Protein backbone atom coordinates (compact mmCIF):
# COMPACT_ATOMS: atom_id res chain seq x y z
CA UNK A 1 47.44 106.34 20.03
CA UNK A 2 46.15 108.27 17.14
CA UNK A 3 45.96 108.33 13.42
CA UNK A 4 45.12 111.37 11.13
CA UNK A 5 43.58 111.26 7.64
CA UNK A 6 43.82 114.04 5.08
CA UNK A 7 41.88 114.54 1.95
CA UNK A 8 40.22 117.11 -0.34
CA UNK A 9 37.46 119.31 1.23
CA UNK A 10 34.75 116.83 2.24
CA UNK A 11 31.51 116.73 4.12
CA UNK A 12 30.84 113.98 6.76
CA UNK A 13 28.29 113.20 9.38
CA UNK A 14 28.74 109.52 9.97
CA UNK A 15 31.74 107.24 10.99
CA UNK A 16 31.79 103.59 10.33
CA UNK A 17 34.06 101.49 12.67
CA UNK A 18 34.76 97.81 13.38
CA UNK A 19 36.70 96.99 16.56
CA UNK A 20 40.01 94.86 16.58
CA UNK A 21 40.24 92.25 19.33
CA UNK A 22 41.44 95.01 21.79
CA UNK A 23 38.19 96.87 22.33
CA UNK A 24 38.36 100.73 22.14
CA UNK A 25 35.58 102.29 24.24
CA UNK A 26 35.93 106.02 23.39
CA UNK A 27 37.76 107.96 20.60
CA UNK A 28 38.16 111.79 20.03
CA UNK A 29 37.71 113.06 16.41
CA UNK A 30 39.48 116.37 15.63
CA UNK A 31 38.73 118.17 12.42
CA UNK A 32 40.75 120.51 10.34
CA UNK A 33 38.96 123.56 11.80
CA UNK A 34 39.92 122.61 15.33
CA UNK A 35 36.53 121.41 16.31
CA UNK A 36 36.21 117.98 17.92
CA UNK A 37 33.80 115.47 19.32
CA UNK A 38 33.95 112.22 21.32
CA UNK A 39 32.33 109.05 20.19
CA UNK A 40 31.55 106.06 22.42
CA UNK A 41 32.00 102.85 20.61
CA UNK A 42 29.94 99.64 20.74
CA UNK A 43 30.62 95.99 20.90
CA UNK A 44 33.62 94.37 18.99
CA UNK A 45 31.54 93.18 15.96
CA UNK A 46 28.13 93.82 14.36
CA UNK A 47 26.63 90.53 13.35
CA UNK A 48 23.96 90.26 10.63
CA UNK A 49 20.83 88.06 10.80
CA UNK A 50 20.56 85.60 8.09
CA UNK A 51 16.84 85.30 7.21
CA UNK A 52 16.96 82.48 4.71
CA UNK A 53 19.30 80.23 2.69
CA UNK A 54 19.39 78.13 -0.36
CA UNK A 55 21.94 75.47 -1.48
CA UNK A 56 22.35 73.40 -4.69
CA UNK A 57 23.17 70.34 -2.54
CA UNK A 58 22.47 68.98 0.88
CA UNK A 59 23.71 65.59 2.19
CA UNK A 60 20.18 64.92 3.55
CA UNK A 61 17.71 66.79 5.76
CA UNK A 62 20.06 66.41 8.78
CA UNK A 63 22.52 68.53 6.92
CA UNK A 64 20.19 71.16 5.42
CA UNK A 65 21.58 74.65 4.65
CA UNK A 66 19.96 76.26 7.76
CA UNK A 67 22.17 74.19 9.93
CA UNK A 68 25.10 76.49 8.86
CA UNK A 69 23.75 79.42 10.80
CA UNK A 70 21.47 77.91 13.49
CA UNK A 71 23.87 78.88 16.34
CA UNK A 72 24.27 75.21 17.22
CA UNK A 73 28.02 73.96 16.83
CA UNK A 74 26.75 70.36 16.95
CA UNK A 75 24.89 70.66 13.45
CA UNK A 76 26.28 71.59 10.03
CA UNK A 77 25.46 71.98 6.37
CA UNK A 78 27.22 69.49 4.07
CA UNK A 79 26.98 68.94 0.31
CA UNK A 80 26.38 65.42 -1.03
CA UNK A 81 29.86 64.43 -2.28
CA UNK A 82 30.82 62.30 -5.36
CA UNK A 83 31.43 59.20 -3.07
CA UNK A 84 27.76 59.54 -1.96
CA UNK A 85 26.39 59.82 -5.35
CA UNK A 86 26.12 63.62 -5.37
CA UNK A 87 27.42 66.41 -7.40
CA UNK A 88 30.12 67.49 -4.79
CA UNK A 89 31.42 70.79 -5.71
CA UNK A 90 32.65 70.08 -9.30
CA UNK A 91 32.02 73.02 -11.75
CA UNK A 92 29.20 75.25 -10.61
CA UNK A 93 28.11 72.81 -7.81
CA UNK A 94 28.76 73.05 -4.12
CA UNK A 95 27.32 76.39 -3.13
CA UNK A 96 25.15 77.83 -0.37
CA UNK A 97 23.49 81.30 -0.41
CA UNK A 98 22.70 83.36 2.58
CA UNK A 99 20.15 86.25 2.40
CA UNK A 100 19.95 89.01 4.81
CA UNK A 101 16.56 90.48 3.81
CA UNK A 102 18.03 93.95 3.23
CA UNK A 103 21.34 95.54 2.15
CA UNK A 104 24.11 95.36 4.85
CA UNK A 105 27.83 96.36 4.83
CA UNK A 106 29.95 93.22 4.94
CA UNK A 107 33.60 93.57 6.12
CA UNK A 108 34.26 90.17 7.72
CA UNK A 109 32.97 86.67 8.47
CA UNK A 110 33.58 84.01 11.14
CA UNK A 111 33.71 80.35 9.71
CA UNK A 112 33.76 77.11 11.51
CA UNK A 113 34.84 73.88 9.73
CA UNK A 114 33.13 70.46 9.69
CA UNK A 115 34.90 68.17 12.09
CA UNK A 116 36.07 65.40 9.84
CA UNK A 117 39.48 66.12 8.43
CA UNK A 118 38.58 65.03 4.85
CA UNK A 119 35.56 67.37 4.84
CA UNK A 120 37.51 70.61 5.51
CA UNK A 121 37.19 73.45 3.08
CA UNK A 122 40.53 74.84 1.82
CA UNK A 123 39.20 77.64 -0.35
CA UNK A 124 35.82 79.20 -1.17
CA UNK A 125 34.53 81.83 -3.62
CA UNK A 126 32.27 84.37 -2.01
CA UNK A 127 29.92 86.01 -4.53
CA UNK A 128 27.90 89.21 -3.48
CA UNK A 129 24.67 90.77 -4.76
CA UNK A 130 26.50 93.77 -5.98
CA UNK A 131 28.30 91.66 -8.58
CA UNK A 132 31.70 91.47 -6.73
CA UNK A 133 33.43 88.38 -5.50
CA UNK A 134 36.27 87.29 -3.18
CA UNK A 135 38.27 84.06 -3.06
CA UNK A 136 39.12 83.13 0.49
CA UNK A 137 41.57 80.44 1.71
CA UNK A 138 41.27 78.56 5.01
CA UNK A 139 43.79 77.08 7.35
CA UNK A 140 42.44 73.54 7.68
CA UNK A 141 44.38 73.00 10.92
CA UNK A 142 42.09 75.67 12.58
CA UNK A 143 38.57 74.80 13.40
CA UNK A 144 37.44 78.44 13.53
CA UNK A 145 38.67 81.39 11.59
CA UNK A 146 37.80 85.01 11.30
CA UNK A 147 38.31 86.49 7.81
CA UNK A 148 38.43 90.25 6.86
CA UNK A 149 37.38 91.16 3.35
CA UNK A 150 37.19 94.41 1.42
CA UNK A 151 33.90 95.97 2.59
CA UNK A 152 30.94 95.88 0.23
CA UNK A 153 27.16 96.51 0.49
CA UNK A 154 25.15 93.39 -0.28
CA UNK A 155 21.70 91.77 0.37
CA UNK A 156 23.14 88.28 -0.06
CA UNK A 157 26.41 86.30 -0.28
CA UNK A 158 26.92 82.99 -2.09
CA UNK A 159 29.54 80.72 -0.66
CA UNK A 160 30.94 78.28 -3.34
CA UNK A 161 33.35 75.57 -2.21
CA UNK A 162 36.38 75.72 -4.53
CA UNK A 163 38.71 72.98 -2.88
CA UNK A 164 38.74 70.76 0.07
CA UNK A 165 40.82 67.98 1.74
CA UNK A 166 39.41 65.29 -0.56
CA UNK A 167 37.54 65.86 -3.82
CA UNK A 168 35.14 62.93 -3.03
CA UNK A 169 33.80 63.74 0.40
CA UNK A 170 31.20 66.10 1.91
CA UNK A 171 32.64 69.41 2.75
CA UNK A 172 30.34 72.21 4.20
CA UNK A 173 29.91 74.59 7.13
CA UNK A 174 29.41 74.02 10.71
CA UNK A 175 28.76 77.65 11.51
CA UNK A 176 29.09 80.91 9.67
CA UNK A 177 28.42 84.57 10.78
CA UNK A 178 28.83 87.72 8.68
CA UNK A 179 30.01 90.99 10.34
CA UNK A 180 30.12 94.59 9.40
CA UNK A 181 31.15 97.90 11.05
CA UNK A 182 28.87 99.85 13.39
CA UNK A 183 27.83 103.26 12.13
CA UNK A 184 27.81 106.38 14.32
CA UNK A 185 26.00 109.57 13.53
CA UNK A 186 28.11 112.63 14.32
CA UNK A 187 26.72 115.65 16.12
CA UNK A 188 26.63 117.66 12.96
CA UNK A 189 27.93 117.63 9.46
CA UNK A 190 31.69 118.64 9.30
CA UNK A 191 33.24 120.07 6.28
CA UNK A 192 36.81 119.33 6.59
CA UNK A 193 40.14 118.38 4.98
CA UNK A 194 41.34 116.13 7.89
CA UNK A 195 40.22 114.01 10.62
CA UNK A 196 42.45 112.87 13.61
CA UNK A 197 41.21 109.62 15.23
CA UNK A 198 42.49 109.40 18.81
CA UNK A 199 41.88 106.38 21.00
CA UNK A 200 41.11 107.72 24.59
CA UNK A 201 39.78 104.66 26.41
CA UNK A 202 40.87 101.10 25.77
CA UNK A 203 39.45 98.58 28.41
CA UNK A 204 39.72 95.12 26.75
CA UNK A 205 43.21 94.45 25.48
CA UNK A 206 44.18 91.39 23.43
CA UNK A 207 47.25 89.43 23.92
CA UNK A 208 49.29 91.54 21.62
CA UNK A 209 47.84 94.72 23.21
CA UNK A 210 47.28 96.32 19.75
CA UNK A 211 44.00 98.41 19.75
CA UNK A 212 43.10 100.16 16.48
CA UNK A 213 40.57 99.67 13.70
CA UNK A 214 39.69 96.65 11.73
CA UNK A 215 37.65 99.12 9.52
CA UNK A 216 37.25 102.92 9.59
CA UNK A 217 35.45 105.29 7.25
CA UNK A 218 34.03 108.70 7.30
CA UNK A 219 31.21 109.77 5.03
CA UNK A 220 28.10 111.91 4.47
CA UNK A 221 24.82 109.91 4.33
CA UNK A 222 21.88 108.64 6.36
CA UNK A 223 23.13 105.31 7.71
CA UNK A 224 25.02 102.52 5.86
CA UNK A 225 27.91 103.88 3.70
């Protein structure tokens, strides 16, 4: 399978790519002058390390903000809800902020709900350090969801609960991970009006057998687009 992109004359020496569930191992890039090169691709996702967190509310020390990304699905962060004498998520309350320590390119995140049905988050507002924001809805019948979002470069993201299954309870996060595309430095800088992206080796196919790209970009730079 292949896809071809055409554009005005452009210079490019990097490709940014994030896998779909069907993993592509190698692609061939062909440019408008007929030159080509092969790129071997990495793991399905590129996860970013969260170096610190802050939250405007924690139910108690057992539900501190760091529990949202400690890699332990038996722990979680929870706000102190109205029924427990806390602020809940009314108005500007009910947020947790994740700092990455440097700017990263975020194009998706994986979210795991708290287990109690009344504590499940229905929607959240994600605000990024670049000033952009994204409202995301969740399927409360699912315990884990992966959400793709328009890519942006940010050093932190704030997750603000907008609605949950019950206004008076203690929603939060069991586990969260933020992902971005891998970047690949090409062998040289190409000046081209097109790129043909051809999948040559696909080894790990999902149930739908639909390899492709969750995110793909070509650009000139020195790393993150």
